[in-house]
């Protein structure tokens, strides 16, 4: 129990440190990532207006892939990055600031960023 608290607190400290340097505007919003053990959530946020412009979660992918074989979480994150980038590009948002949320740039976080880049978003 104590290890879990320490891990959560250190991620929160890292997230505060990252967020102190990152700010999303209307022209260049912030792409925020939240990762739980089972799911991943992405949001494009305008910090000036304090509004979420777009959001996507892996639940959107599951509804499309019913009846198929299981998809690895990293592959879901990659597909989710592509999906969110397509939503943003339709609204003429081409450039974003990446907020890794205190997580290491590794695994699912990296896959989501690469998927968004492949679909056309610039960081």
PDB file of N, CA and C in Angstrom:
ATOM      1  N   UNK A   1       0.825  -1.196   0.000  1.00  0.00           N
ATOM      2  CA  UNK A   1       0.000   0.000   0.000  1.00  0.00           C
ATOM      3  C   UNK A   1       0.864   1.252   0.000  1.00  0.00           C
ATOM      4  N   UNK A   2       1.912   1.229   0.799  1.00  0.00           N
ATOM      5  CA  UNK A   2       2.789   2.385   0.889  1.00  0.00           C
ATOM      6  C   UNK A   2       3.518   2.619  -0.434  1.00  0.00           C
ATOM      7  N   UNK A   3       3.946   1.526  -1.094  1.00  0.00           N
ATOM      8  CA  UNK A   3       4.635   1.663  -2.385  1.00  0.00           C
ATOM      9  C   UNK A   3       3.737   2.308  -3.424  1.00  0.00           C
ATOM     10  N   UNK A   4       2.460   1.936  -3.402  1.00  0.00           N
ATOM     11  CA  UNK A   4       1.504   2.478  -4.364  1.00  0.00           C
ATOM     12  C   UNK A   4       1.349   3.991  -4.162  1.00  0.00           C
ATOM     13  N   UNK A   5       1.253   4.417  -2.887  1.00  0.00           N
ATOM     14  CA  UNK A   5       1.126   5.835  -2.581  1.00  0.00           C
ATOM     15  C   UNK A   5       2.345   6.612  -3.044  1.00  0.00           C
ATOM     16  N   UNK A   6       3.517   6.053  -2.804  1.00  0.00           N
ATOM     17  CA  UNK A   6       4.756   6.716  -3.207  1.00  0.00           C
ATOM     18  C   UNK A   6       4.799   6.853  -4.725  1.00  0.00           C
ATOM     19  N   UNK A   7       4.397   5.794  -5.437  1.00  0.00           N
ATOM     20  CA  UNK A   7       4.414   5.815  -6.896  1.00  0.00           C
ATOM     21  C   UNK A   7       3.455   6.872  -7.443  1.00  0.00           C
ATOM     22  N   UNK A   8       2.260   6.946  -6.874  1.00  0.00           N
ATOM     23  CA  UNK A   8       1.269   7.931  -7.308  1.00  0.00           C
ATOM     24  C   UNK A   8       1.756   9.342  -7.011  1.00  0.00           C
ATOM     25  N   UNK A   9       2.290   9.550  -5.807  1.00  0.00           N
ATOM     26  CA  UNK A   9       2.777  10.882  -5.435  1.00  0.00           C
ATOM     27  C   UNK A   9       3.929  11.336  -6.319  1.00  0.00           C
ATOM     28  N   UNK A  10       4.834  10.434  -6.662  1.00  0.00           N
ATOM     29  CA  UNK A  10       5.950  10.842  -7.506  1.00  0.00           C
ATOM     30  C   UNK A  10       5.479  11.157  -8.915  1.00  0.00           C
ATOM     31  N   UNK A  11       4.464  10.444  -9.436  1.00  0.00           N
ATOM     32  CA  UNK A  11       3.923  10.776 -10.749  1.00  0.00           C
ATOM     33  C   UNK A  11       3.257  12.139 -10.716  1.00  0.00           C
ATOM     34  N   UNK A  12       2.535  12.427  -9.632  1.00  0.00           N
ATOM     35  CA  UNK A  12       1.891  13.732  -9.508  1.00  0.00           C
ATOM     36  C   UNK A  12       2.910  14.859  -9.444  1.00  0.00           C
ATOM     37  N   UNK A  13       4.021  14.628  -8.752  1.00  0.00           N
ATOM     38  CA  UNK A  13       5.083  15.634  -8.688  1.00  0.00           C
ATOM     39  C   UNK A  13       5.698  15.860 -10.064  1.00  0.00           C
ATOM     40  N   UNK A  14       5.959  14.768 -10.783  1.00  0.00           N
ATOM     41  CA  UNK A  14       6.496  14.892 -12.144  1.00  0.00           C
ATOM     42  C   UNK A  14       5.514  15.624 -13.046  1.00  0.00           C
ATOM     43  N   UNK A  15       4.217  15.329 -12.892  1.00  0.00           N
ATOM     44  CA  UNK A  15       3.202  15.972 -13.721  1.00  0.00           C
ATOM     45  C   UNK A  15       3.165  17.483 -13.466  1.00  0.00           C
ATOM     46  N   UNK A  16       3.259  17.899 -12.211  1.00  0.00           N
ATOM     47  CA  UNK A  16       3.301  19.329 -11.892  1.00  0.00           C
ATOM     48  C   UNK A  16       4.506  19.999 -12.525  1.00  0.00           C
ATOM     49  N   UNK A  17       5.640  19.306 -12.490  1.00  0.00           N
ATOM     50  CA  UNK A  17       6.868  19.845 -13.060  1.00  0.00           C
ATOM     51  C   UNK A  17       6.735  20.003 -14.580  1.00  0.00           C
ATOM     52  N   UNK A  18       6.121  19.008 -15.228  1.00  0.00           N
ATOM     53  CA  UNK A  18       5.920  19.067 -16.678  1.00  0.00           C
ATOM     54  C   UNK A  18       4.930  20.170 -17.031  1.00  0.00           C
ATOM     55  N   UNK A  19       3.838  20.264 -16.285  1.00  0.00           N
ATOM     56  CA  UNK A  19       2.780  21.244 -16.578  1.00  0.00           C
ATOM     57  C   UNK A  19       3.227  22.672 -16.329  1.00  0.00           C
ATOM     58  N   UNK A  20       4.237  22.864 -15.501  1.00  0.00           N
ATOM     59  CA  UNK A  20       4.738  24.215 -15.258  1.00  0.00           C
ATOM     60  C   UNK A  20       5.379  24.786 -16.516  1.00  0.00           C
ATOM     61  N   UNK A  21       5.857  23.909 -17.405  1.00  0.00           N
ATOM     62  CA  UNK A  21       6.552  24.350 -18.604  1.00  0.00           C
ATOM     63  C   UNK A  21       5.665  24.320 -19.845  1.00  0.00           C
ATOM     64  N   UNK A  22       4.497  23.688 -19.770  1.00  0.00           N
ATOM     65  CA  UNK A  22       3.640  23.485 -20.941  1.00  0.00           C
ATOM     66  C   UNK A  22       2.355  24.275 -20.779  1.00  0.00           C
ATOM     67  N   UNK A  23       1.943  24.956 -21.865  1.00  0.00           N
ATOM     68  CA  UNK A  23       0.689  25.705 -21.853  1.00  0.00           C
ATOM     69  C   UNK A  23       0.089  25.635 -23.245  1.00  0.00           C
ATOM     70  N   UNK A  24      -1.184  25.272 -23.337  1.00  0.00           N
ATOM     71  CA  UNK A  24      -1.847  25.160 -24.621  1.00  0.00           C
ATOM     72  C   UNK A  24      -2.646  26.404 -24.948  1.00  0.00           C
ATOM     73  N   UNK A  25      -2.529  26.871 -26.179  1.00  0.00           N
ATOM     74  CA  UNK A  25      -3.293  28.026 -26.639  1.00  0.00           C
ATOM     75  C   UNK A  25      -4.283  27.570 -27.704  1.00  0.00           C
ATOM     76  N   UNK A  26      -5.049  28.507 -28.250  1.00  0.00           N
ATOM     77  CA  UNK A  26      -6.006  28.159 -29.293  1.00  0.00           C
ATOM     78  C   UNK A  26      -5.280  27.710 -30.561  1.00  0.00           C
ATOM     79  N   UNK A  27      -4.153  28.349 -30.872  1.00  0.00           N
ATOM     80  CA  UNK A  27      -3.395  27.976 -32.065  1.00  0.00           C
ATOM     81  C   UNK A  27      -2.598  26.696 -31.864  1.00  0.00           C
ATOM     82  N   UNK A  28      -2.095  26.497 -30.669  1.00  0.00           N
ATOM     83  CA  UNK A  28      -1.270  25.326 -30.369  1.00  0.00           C
ATOM     84  C   UNK A  28      -1.740  24.717 -29.042  1.00  0.00           C
ATOM     85  N   UNK A  29      -2.834  23.928 -29.071  1.00  0.00           N
ATOM     86  CA  UNK A  29      -3.365  23.366 -27.832  1.00  0.00           C
ATOM     87  C   UNK A  29      -2.491  22.251 -27.266  1.00  0.00           C
ATOM     88  N   UNK A  30      -2.856  21.816 -26.080  1.00  0.00           N
ATOM     89  CA  UNK A  30      -2.095  20.788 -25.363  1.00  0.00           C
ATOM     90  C   UNK A  30      -2.742  19.427 -25.571  1.00  0.00           C
ATOM     91  N   UNK A  31      -1.945  18.428 -25.946  1.00  0.00           N
ATOM     92  CA  UNK A  31      -2.421  17.059 -26.056  1.00  0.00           C
ATOM     93  C   UNK A  31      -2.051  16.348 -24.763  1.00  0.00           C
ATOM     94  N   UNK A  32      -3.058  16.063 -23.949  1.00  0.00           N
ATOM     95  CA  UNK A  32      -2.846  15.480 -22.633  1.00  0.00           C
ATOM     96  C   UNK A  32      -3.140  13.988 -22.666  1.00  0.00           C
ATOM     97  N   UNK A  33      -2.338  13.212 -21.941  1.00  0.00           N
ATOM     98  CA  UNK A  33      -2.487  11.754 -21.908  1.00  0.00           C
ATOM     99  C   UNK A  33      -2.748  11.322 -20.476  1.00  0.00           C
ATOM    100  N   UNK A  34      -3.748  10.446 -20.302  1.00  0.00           N
ATOM    101  CA  UNK A  34      -3.944   9.777 -19.016  1.00  0.00           C
ATOM    102  C   UNK A  34      -3.979   8.287 -19.273  1.00  0.00           C
ATOM    103  N   UNK A  35      -3.217   7.562 -18.480  1.00  0.00           N
ATOM    104  CA  UNK A  35      -3.104   6.123 -18.662  1.00  0.00           C
ATOM    105  C   UNK A  35      -3.480   5.435 -17.359  1.00  0.00           C
ATOM    106  N   UNK A  36      -4.434   4.526 -17.433  1.00  0.00           N
ATOM    107  CA  UNK A  36      -4.715   3.678 -16.280  1.00  0.00           C
ATOM    108  C   UNK A  36      -4.139   2.301 -16.591  1.00  0.00           C
ATOM    109  N   UNK A  37      -4.360   1.353 -15.714  1.00  0.00           N
ATOM    110  CA  UNK A  37      -3.808   0.027 -15.972  1.00  0.00           C
ATOM    111  C   UNK A  37      -4.445  -0.636 -17.186  1.00  0.00           C
ATOM    112  N   UNK A  38      -5.723  -0.361 -17.433  1.00  0.00           N
ATOM    113  CA  UNK A  38      -6.430  -1.019 -18.532  1.00  0.00           C
ATOM    114  C   UNK A  38      -6.689  -0.120 -19.727  1.00  0.00           C
ATOM    115  N   UNK A  39      -6.831   1.171 -19.508  1.00  0.00           N
ATOM    116  CA  UNK A  39      -7.298   2.066 -20.563  1.00  0.00           C
ATOM    117  C   UNK A  39      -6.361   3.255 -20.745  1.00  0.00           C
ATOM    118  N   UNK A  40      -6.582   3.987 -21.843  1.00  0.00           N
ATOM    119  CA  UNK A  40      -5.825   5.208 -22.119  1.00  0.00           C
ATOM    120  C   UNK A  40      -6.790   6.258 -22.650  1.00  0.00           C
ATOM    121  N   UNK A  41      -6.560   7.503 -22.241  1.00  0.00           N
ATOM    122  CA  UNK A  41      -7.434   8.612 -22.608  1.00  0.00           C
ATOM    123  C   UNK A  41      -6.564   9.750 -23.128  1.00  0.00           C
ATOM    124  N   UNK A  42      -6.973  10.362 -24.232  1.00  0.00           N
ATOM    125  CA  UNK A  42      -6.265  11.503 -24.809  1.00  0.00           C
ATOM    126  C   UNK A  42      -7.222  12.675 -24.904  1.00  0.00           C
ATOM    127  N   UNK A  43      -6.708  13.873 -24.656  1.00  0.00           N
ATOM    128  CA  UNK A  43      -7.509  15.092 -24.771  1.00  0.00           C
ATOM    129  C   UNK A  43      -6.685  16.179 -25.432  1.00  0.00           C
ATOM    130  N   UNK A  44      -7.337  16.985 -26.241  1.00  0.00           N
ATOM    131  CA  UNK A  44      -6.719  18.196 -26.767  1.00  0.00           C
ATOM    132  C   UNK A  44      -7.388  19.357 -26.050  1.00  0.00           C
ATOM    133  N   UNK A  45      -6.584  20.147 -25.332  1.00  0.00           N
ATOM    134  CA  UNK A  45      -7.100  21.150 -24.409  1.00  0.00           C
ATOM    135  C   UNK A  45      -6.577  22.537 -24.766  1.00  0.00           C
ATOM    136  N   UNK A  46      -7.476  23.531 -24.721  1.00  0.00           N
ATOM    137  CA  UNK A  46      -7.107  24.936 -24.854  1.00  0.00           C
ATOM    138  C   UNK A  46      -7.042  25.499 -23.435  1.00  0.00           C
ATOM    139  N   UNK A  47      -5.847  25.762 -22.947  1.00  0.00           N
ATOM    140  CA  UNK A  47      -5.671  26.222 -21.567  1.00  0.00           C
ATOM    141  C   UNK A  47      -6.086  27.674 -21.371  1.00  0.00           C
ATOM    142  N   UNK A  48      -6.087  28.471 -22.426  1.00  0.00           N
ATOM    143  CA  UNK A  48      -6.518  29.863 -22.288  1.00  0.00           C
ATOM    144  C   UNK A  48      -7.999  29.933 -21.928  1.00  0.00           C
ATOM    145  N   UNK A  49      -8.815  29.146 -22.622  1.00  0.00           N
ATOM    146  CA  UNK A  49     -10.261  29.122 -22.368  1.00  0.00           C
ATOM    147  C   UNK A  49     -10.656  28.059 -21.348  1.00  0.00           C
ATOM    148  N   UNK A  50      -9.693  27.228 -20.962  1.00  0.00           N
ATOM    149  CA  UNK A  50      -9.933  26.119 -20.029  1.00  0.00           C
ATOM    150  C   UNK A  50     -11.035  25.191 -20.548  1.00  0.00           C
ATOM    151  N   UNK A  51     -10.902  24.814 -21.812  1.00  0.00           N
ATOM    152  CA  UNK A  51     -11.883  23.952 -22.477  1.00  0.00           C
ATOM    153  C   UNK A  51     -11.180  22.766 -23.124  1.00  0.00           C
ATOM    154  N   UNK A  52     -11.837  21.619 -23.067  1.00  0.00           N
ATOM    155  CA  UNK A  52     -11.385  20.455 -23.811  1.00  0.00           C
ATOM    156  C   UNK A  52     -11.979  20.543 -25.201  1.00  0.00           C
ATOM    157  N   UNK A  53     -11.127  20.582 -26.210  1.00  0.00           N
ATOM    158  CA  UNK A  53     -11.588  20.707 -27.587  1.00  0.00           C
ATOM    159  C   UNK A  53     -12.014  19.347 -28.123  1.00  0.00           C
ATOM    160  N   UNK A  54     -11.145  18.351 -27.989  1.00  0.00           N
ATOM    161  CA  UNK A  54     -11.437  16.986 -28.429  1.00  0.00           C
ATOM    162  C   UNK A  54     -10.975  16.012 -27.368  1.00  0.00           C
ATOM    163  N   UNK A  55     -11.623  14.878 -27.331  1.00  0.00           N
ATOM    164  CA  UNK A  55     -11.170  13.810 -26.451  1.00  0.00           C
ATOM    165  C   UNK A  55     -11.384  12.480 -27.149  1.00  0.00           C
ATOM    166  N   UNK A  56     -10.615  11.495 -26.722  1.00  0.00           N
ATOM    167  CA  UNK A  56     -10.755  10.145 -27.264  1.00  0.00           C
ATOM    168  C   UNK A  56     -10.296   9.163 -26.198  1.00  0.00           C
ATOM    169  N   UNK A  57     -10.943   8.025 -26.163  1.00  0.00           N
ATOM    170  CA  UNK A  57     -10.528   6.965 -25.250  1.00  0.00           C
ATOM    171  C   UNK A  57     -10.571   5.646 -26.003  1.00  0.00           C
ATOM    172  N   UNK A  58      -9.940   4.642 -25.434  1.00  0.00           N
ATOM    173  CA  UNK A  58      -9.894   3.362 -26.125  1.00  0.00           C
ATOM    174  C   UNK A  58     -11.257   2.673 -26.165  1.00  0.00           C
ATOM    175  N   UNK A  59     -12.238   3.207 -25.463  1.00  0.00           N
ATOM    176  CA  UNK A  59     -13.594   2.669 -25.552  1.00  0.00           C
ATOM    177  C   UNK A  59     -14.156   2.886 -26.962  1.00  0.00           C
ATOM    178  N   UNK A  60     -13.748   3.981 -27.592  1.00  0.00           N
ATOM    179  CA  UNK A  60     -14.185   4.261 -28.961  1.00  0.00           C
ATOM    180  C   UNK A  60     -13.632   3.214 -29.921  1.00  0.00           C
ATOM    181  N   UNK A  61     -12.440   2.730 -29.662  1.00  0.00           N
ATOM    182  CA  UNK A  61     -11.846   1.703 -30.514  1.00  0.00           C
ATOM    183  C   UNK A  61     -12.516   0.358 -30.286  1.00  0.00           C
ATOM    184  N   UNK A  62     -12.867   0.056 -29.043  1.00  0.00           N
ATOM    185  CA  UNK A  62     -13.487  -1.231 -28.733  1.00  0.00           C
ATOM    186  C   UNK A  62     -14.838  -1.381 -29.407  1.00  0.00           C
ATOM    187  N   UNK A  63     -15.585  -0.284 -29.511  1.00  0.00           N
ATOM    188  CA  UNK A  63     -16.894  -0.380 -30.138  1.00  0.00           C
ATOM    189  C   UNK A  63     -16.767  -0.702 -31.624  1.00  0.00           C
ATOM    190  N   UNK A  64     -15.666  -0.260 -32.250  1.00  0.00           N
ATOM    191  CA  UNK A  64     -15.461  -0.536 -33.663  1.00  0.00           C
ATOM    192  C   UNK A  64     -14.946  -1.959 -33.879  1.00  0.00           C
ATOM    193  N   UNK A  65     -14.231  -2.510 -32.923  1.00  0.00           N
ATOM    194  CA  UNK A  65     -13.572  -3.794 -33.122  1.00  0.00           C
ATOM    195  C   UNK A  65     -14.243  -4.960 -32.439  1.00  0.00           C
ATOM    196  N   UNK A  66     -15.545  -4.954 -32.298  1.00  0.00           N
ATOM    197  CA  UNK A  66     -16.239  -6.060 -31.627  1.00  0.00           C
ATOM    198  C   UNK A  66     -16.132  -7.323 -32.468  1.00  0.00           C
ATOM    199  N   UNK A  67     -15.969  -8.451 -31.792  1.00  0.00           N
ATOM    200  CA  UNK A  67     -15.926  -9.727 -32.472  1.00  0.00           C
ATOM    201  C   UNK A  67     -14.560 -10.101 -33.018  1.00  0.00           C
ATOM    202  N   UNK A  68     -13.609  -9.198 -32.923  1.00  0.00           N
ATOM    203  CA  UNK A  68     -12.265  -9.471 -33.421  1.00  0.00           C
ATOM    204  C   UNK A  68     -11.388  -9.986 -32.289  1.00  0.00           C
ATOM    205  N   UNK A  69     -10.170 -10.340 -32.626  1.00  0.00           N
ATOM    206  CA  UNK A  69      -9.241 -10.790 -31.606  1.00  0.00           C
ATOM    207  C   UNK A  69      -8.831  -9.607 -30.726  1.00  0.00           C
ATOM    208  N   UNK A  70      -8.268  -9.929 -29.576  1.00  0.00           N
ATOM    209  CA  UNK A  70      -7.848  -8.881 -28.646  1.00  0.00           C
ATOM    210  C   UNK A  70      -6.713  -8.058 -29.233  1.00  0.00           C
ATOM    211  N   UNK A  71      -6.751  -6.763 -28.952  1.00  0.00           N
ATOM    212  CA  UNK A  71      -5.706  -5.851 -29.410  1.00  0.00           C
ATOM    213  C   UNK A  71      -4.814  -5.522 -28.215  1.00  0.00           C
ATOM    214  N   UNK A  72      -3.525  -5.515 -28.433  1.00  0.00           N
ATOM    215  CA  UNK A  72      -2.563  -5.182 -27.382  1.00  0.00           C
ATOM    216  C   UNK A  72      -2.746  -3.714 -26.991  1.00  0.00           C
ATOM    217  N   UNK A  73      -2.549  -3.397 -25.712  1.00  0.00           N
ATOM    218  CA  UNK A  73      -2.768  -2.033 -25.216  1.00  0.00           C
ATOM    219  C   UNK A  73      -1.911  -1.008 -25.942  1.00  0.00           C
ATOM    220  N   UNK A  74      -0.690  -1.361 -26.307  1.00  0.00           N
ATOM    221  CA  UNK A  74       0.184  -0.434 -27.019  1.00  0.00           C
ATOM    222  C   UNK A  74      -0.380  -0.133 -28.405  1.00  0.00           C
ATOM    223  N   UNK A  75      -0.919  -1.155 -29.053  1.00  0.00           N
ATOM    224  CA  UNK A  75      -1.531  -0.939 -30.372  1.00  0.00           C
ATOM    225  C   UNK A  75      -2.785  -0.075 -30.260  1.00  0.00           C
ATOM    226  N   UNK A  76      -3.546  -0.261 -29.188  1.00  0.00           N
ATOM    227  CA  UNK A  76      -4.723   0.589 -28.953  1.00  0.00           C
ATOM    228  C   UNK A  76      -4.311   2.043 -28.802  1.00  0.00           C
ATOM    229  N   UNK A  77      -3.229   2.278 -28.063  1.00  0.00           N
ATOM    230  CA  UNK A  77      -2.746   3.645 -27.846  1.00  0.00           C
ATOM    231  C   UNK A  77      -2.326   4.273 -29.175  1.00  0.00           C
ATOM    232  N   UNK A  78      -1.660   3.496 -30.026  1.00  0.00           N
ATOM    233  CA  UNK A  78      -1.237   3.995 -31.330  1.00  0.00           C
ATOM    234  C   UNK A  78      -2.454   4.374 -32.178  1.00  0.00           C
ATOM    235  N   UNK A  79      -3.452   3.500 -32.229  1.00  0.00           N
ATOM    236  CA  UNK A  79      -4.671   3.758 -32.998  1.00  0.00           C
ATOM    237  C   UNK A  79      -5.427   4.954 -32.436  1.00  0.00           C
ATOM    238  N   UNK A  80      -5.421   5.087 -31.128  1.00  0.00           N
ATOM    239  CA  UNK A  80      -6.101   6.206 -30.480  1.00  0.00           C
ATOM    240  C   UNK A  80      -5.430   7.532 -30.826  1.00  0.00           C
ATOM    241  N   UNK A  81      -4.104   7.539 -30.881  1.00  0.00           N
ATOM    242  CA  UNK A  81      -3.380   8.733 -31.299  1.00  0.00           C
ATOM    243  C   UNK A  81      -3.747   9.140 -32.720  1.00  0.00           C
ATOM    244  N   UNK A  82      -3.859   8.158 -33.601  1.00  0.00           N
ATOM    245  CA  UNK A  82      -4.271   8.435 -34.985  1.00  0.00           C
ATOM    246  C   UNK A  82      -5.687   8.990 -35.034  1.00  0.00           C
ATOM    247  N   UNK A  83      -6.590   8.387 -34.251  1.00  0.00           N
ATOM    248  CA  UNK A  83      -7.996   8.814 -34.228  1.00  0.00           C
ATOM    249  C   UNK A  83      -8.125  10.264 -33.764  1.00  0.00           C
ATOM    250  N   UNK A  84      -7.434  10.610 -32.689  1.00  0.00           N
ATOM    251  CA  UNK A  84      -7.503  11.971 -32.160  1.00  0.00           C
ATOM    252  C   UNK A  84      -6.884  12.968 -33.135  1.00  0.00           C
ATOM    253  N   UNK A  85      -5.811  12.578 -33.794  1.00  0.00           N
ATOM    254  CA  UNK A  85      -5.172  13.462 -34.765  1.00  0.00           C
ATOM    255  C   UNK A  85      -6.106  13.740 -35.938  1.00  0.00           C
ATOM    256  N   UNK A  86      -6.831  12.737 -36.378  1.00  0.00           N
ATOM    257  CA  UNK A  86      -7.781  12.934 -37.474  1.00  0.00           C
ATOM    258  C   UNK A  86      -8.890  13.900 -37.070  1.00  0.00           C
ATOM    259  N   UNK A  87      -9.368  13.773 -35.825  1.00  0.00           N
ATOM    260  CA  UNK A  87     -10.386  14.705 -35.315  1.00  0.00           C
ATOM    261  C   UNK A  87      -9.841  16.133 -35.305  1.00  0.00           C
ATOM    262  N   UNK A  88      -8.590  16.284 -34.854  1.00  0.00           N
ATOM    263  CA  UNK A  88      -7.988  17.613 -34.757  1.00  0.00           C
ATOM    264  C   UNK A  88      -7.742  18.212 -36.138  1.00  0.00           C
ATOM    265  N   UNK A  89      -7.286  17.407 -37.071  1.00  0.00           N
ATOM    266  CA  UNK A  89      -6.990  17.915 -38.409  1.00  0.00           C
ATOM    267  C   UNK A  89      -8.255  18.348 -39.143  1.00  0.00           C
ATOM    268  N   UNK A  90      -9.383  17.708 -38.853  1.00  0.00           N
ATOM    269  CA  UNK A  90     -10.650  18.143 -39.441  1.00  0.00           C
ATOM    270  C   UNK A  90     -11.000  19.553 -38.987  1.00  0.00           C
ATOM    271  N   UNK A  91     -10.599  19.887 -37.763  1.00  0.00           N
ATOM    272  CA  UNK A  91     -10.860  21.211 -37.205  1.00  0.00           C
ATOM    273  C   UNK A  91      -9.691  22.177 -37.445  1.00  0.00           C
ATOM    274  N   UNK A  92      -8.771  21.796 -38.330  1.00  0.00           N
ATOM    275  CA  UNK A  92      -7.625  22.622 -38.738  1.00  0.00           C
ATOM    276  C   UNK A  92      -6.640  22.900 -37.605  1.00  0.00           C
ATOM    277  N   UNK A  93      -6.526  21.966 -36.666  1.00  0.00           N
ATOM    278  CA  UNK A  93      -5.489  22.038 -35.633  1.00  0.00           C
ATOM    279  C   UNK A  93      -4.362  21.130 -36.106  1.00  0.00           C
ATOM    280  N   UNK A  94      -3.207  21.728 -36.394  1.00  0.00           N
ATOM    281  CA  UNK A  94      -2.095  20.964 -36.943  1.00  0.00           C
ATOM    282  C   UNK A  94      -0.947  20.796 -35.965  1.00  0.00           C
ATOM    283  N   UNK A  95      -0.838  21.738 -35.027  1.00  0.00           N
ATOM    284  CA  UNK A  95       0.285  21.718 -34.102  1.00  0.00           C
ATOM    285  C   UNK A  95      -0.218  21.670 -32.667  1.00  0.00           C
ATOM    286  N   UNK A  96       0.375  20.806 -31.857  1.00  0.00           N
ATOM    287  CA  UNK A  96      -0.005  20.679 -30.449  1.00  0.00           C
ATOM    288  C   UNK A  96       1.254  20.591 -29.589  1.00  0.00           C
ATOM    289  N   UNK A  97       1.064  20.799 -28.304  1.00  0.00           N
ATOM    290  CA  UNK A  97       2.118  20.613 -27.313  1.00  0.00           C
ATOM    291  C   UNK A  97       1.794  19.315 -26.585  1.00  0.00           C
ATOM    292  N   UNK A  98       2.757  18.414 -26.478  1.00  0.00           N
ATOM    293  CA  UNK A  98       2.505  17.092 -25.892  1.00  0.00           C
ATOM    294  C   UNK A  98       2.726  17.124 -24.391  1.00  0.00           C
ATOM    295  N   UNK A  99       1.695  16.721 -23.647  1.00  0.00           N
ATOM    296  CA  UNK A  99       1.752  16.638 -22.185  1.00  0.00           C
ATOM    297  C   UNK A  99       1.687  15.172 -21.806  1.00  0.00           C
ATOM    298  N   UNK A 100       2.815  14.623 -21.398  1.00  0.00           N
ATOM    299  CA  UNK A 100       2.872  13.194 -21.095  1.00  0.00           C
ATOM    300  C   UNK A 100       2.277  12.845 -19.734  1.00  0.00           C
ATOM    301  N   UNK A 101       1.864  13.838 -18.989  1.00  0.00           N
ATOM    302  CA  UNK A 101       1.146  13.607 -17.748  1.00  0.00           C
ATOM    303  C   UNK A 101       1.973  13.030 -16.621  1.00  0.00           C
ATOM    304  N   UNK A 102       3.274  13.245 -16.624  1.00  0.00           N
ATOM    305  CA  UNK A 102       4.114  12.714 -15.560  1.00  0.00           C
ATOM    306  C   UNK A 102       4.564  11.287 -15.795  1.00  0.00           C
ATOM    307  N   UNK A 103       4.099  10.671 -16.877  1.00  0.00           N
ATOM    308  CA  UNK A 103       4.517   9.312 -17.214  1.00  0.00           C
ATOM    309  C   UNK A 103       5.814   9.374 -18.015  1.00  0.00           C
ATOM    310  N   UNK A 104       6.564   8.286 -17.999  1.00  0.00           N
ATOM    311  CA  UNK A 104       7.762   8.210 -18.822  1.00  0.00           C
ATOM    312  C   UNK A 104       7.346   8.150 -20.287  1.00  0.00           C
ATOM    313  N   UNK A 105       8.142   8.729 -21.150  1.00  0.00           N
ATOM    314  CA  UNK A 105       7.873   8.682 -22.587  1.00  0.00           C
ATOM    315  C   UNK A 105       8.318   7.311 -23.078  1.00  0.00           C
ATOM    316  N   UNK A 106       7.432   6.326 -22.880  1.00  0.00           N
ATOM    317  CA  UNK A 106       7.788   4.937 -23.105  1.00  0.00           C
ATOM    318  C   UNK A 106       6.499   4.140 -23.224  1.00  0.00           C
ATOM    319  N   UNK A 107       6.491   3.102 -23.990  1.00  0.00           N
ATOM    320  CA  UNK A 107       5.337   2.211 -24.060  1.00  0.00           C
ATOM    321  C   UNK A 107       4.116   2.849 -24.683  1.00  0.00           C
ATOM    322  N   UNK A 108       3.006   2.834 -23.943  1.00  0.00           N
ATOM    323  CA  UNK A 108       1.738   3.336 -24.470  1.00  0.00           C
ATOM    324  C   UNK A 108       1.751   4.835 -24.716  1.00  0.00           C
ATOM    325  N   UNK A 109       2.466   5.584 -23.885  1.00  0.00           N
ATOM    326  CA  UNK A 109       2.546   7.039 -24.056  1.00  0.00           C
ATOM    327  C   UNK A 109       3.275   7.349 -25.362  1.00  0.00           C
ATOM    328  N   UNK A 110       4.366   6.674 -25.590  1.00  0.00           N
ATOM    329  CA  UNK A 110       5.136   6.857 -26.817  1.00  0.00           C
ATOM    330  C   UNK A 110       4.324   6.424 -28.033  1.00  0.00           C
ATOM    331  N   UNK A 111       3.601   5.320 -27.923  1.00  0.00           N
ATOM    332  CA  UNK A 111       2.796   4.818 -29.038  1.00  0.00           C
ATOM    333  C   UNK A 111       1.691   5.808 -29.403  1.00  0.00           C
ATOM    334  N   UNK A 112       1.054   6.412 -28.409  1.00  0.00           N
ATOM    335  CA  UNK A 112       0.003   7.402 -28.672  1.00  0.00           C
ATOM    336  C   UNK A 112       0.584   8.617 -29.390  1.00  0.00           C
ATOM    337  N   UNK A 113       1.760   9.059 -28.969  1.00  0.00           N
ATOM    338  CA  UNK A 113       2.404  10.210 -29.605  1.00  0.00           C
ATOM    339  C   UNK A 113       2.796   9.882 -31.043  1.00  0.00           C
ATOM    340  N   UNK A 114       3.344   8.704 -31.258  1.00  0.00           N
ATOM    341  CA  UNK A 114       3.751   8.304 -32.609  1.00  0.00           C
ATOM    342  C   UNK A 114       2.542   8.164 -33.531  1.00  0.00           C
ATOM    343  N   UNK A 115       1.432   7.639 -33.009  1.00  0.00           N
ATOM    344  CA  UNK A 115       0.219   7.518 -33.807  1.00  0.00           C
ATOM    345  C   UNK A 115      -0.310   8.885 -34.223  1.00  0.00           C
ATOM    346  N   UNK A 116      -0.271   9.838 -33.304  1.00  0.00           N
ATOM    347  CA  UNK A 116      -0.730  11.200 -33.620  1.00  0.00           C
ATOM    348  C   UNK A 116       0.186  11.855 -34.649  1.00  0.00           C
ATOM    349  N   UNK A 117       1.504  11.628 -34.517  1.00  0.00           N
ATOM    350  CA  UNK A 117       2.453  12.177 -35.484  1.00  0.00           C
ATOM    351  C   UNK A 117       2.243  11.584 -36.870  1.00  0.00           C
ATOM    352  N   UNK A 118       2.014  10.275 -36.918  1.00  0.00           N
ATOM    353  CA  UNK A 118       1.829   9.613 -38.209  1.00  0.00           C
ATOM    354  C   UNK A 118       0.586  10.139 -38.924  1.00  0.00           C
ATOM    355  N   UNK A 119      -0.442  10.447 -38.160  1.00  0.00           N
ATOM    356  CA  UNK A 119      -1.690  10.941 -38.747  1.00  0.00           C
ATOM    357  C   UNK A 119      -1.599  12.416 -39.164  1.00  0.00           C
ATOM    358  N   UNK A 120      -0.533  13.114 -38.764  1.00  0.00           N
ATOM    359  CA  UNK A 120      -0.326  14.459 -39.263  1.00  0.00           C
ATOM    360  C   UNK A 120      -0.175  15.561 -38.239  1.00  0.00           C
ATOM    361  N   UNK A 121      -0.289  15.272 -36.945  1.00  0.00           N
ATOM    362  CA  UNK A 121      -0.085  16.308 -35.933  1.00  0.00           C
ATOM    363  C   UNK A 121       1.402  16.583 -35.755  1.00  0.00           C
ATOM    364  N   UNK A 122       1.737  17.825 -35.492  1.00  0.00           N
ATOM    365  CA  UNK A 122       3.122  18.207 -35.234  1.00  0.00           C
ATOM    366  C   UNK A 122       3.280  18.562 -33.758  1.00  0.00           C
ATOM    367  N   UNK A 123       4.388  18.121 -33.163  1.00  0.00           N
ATOM    368  CA  UNK A 123       4.678  18.440 -31.749  1.00  0.00           C
ATOM    369  C   UNK A 123       5.802  19.431 -31.703  1.00  0.00           C
TER     370      UNK A 123
END
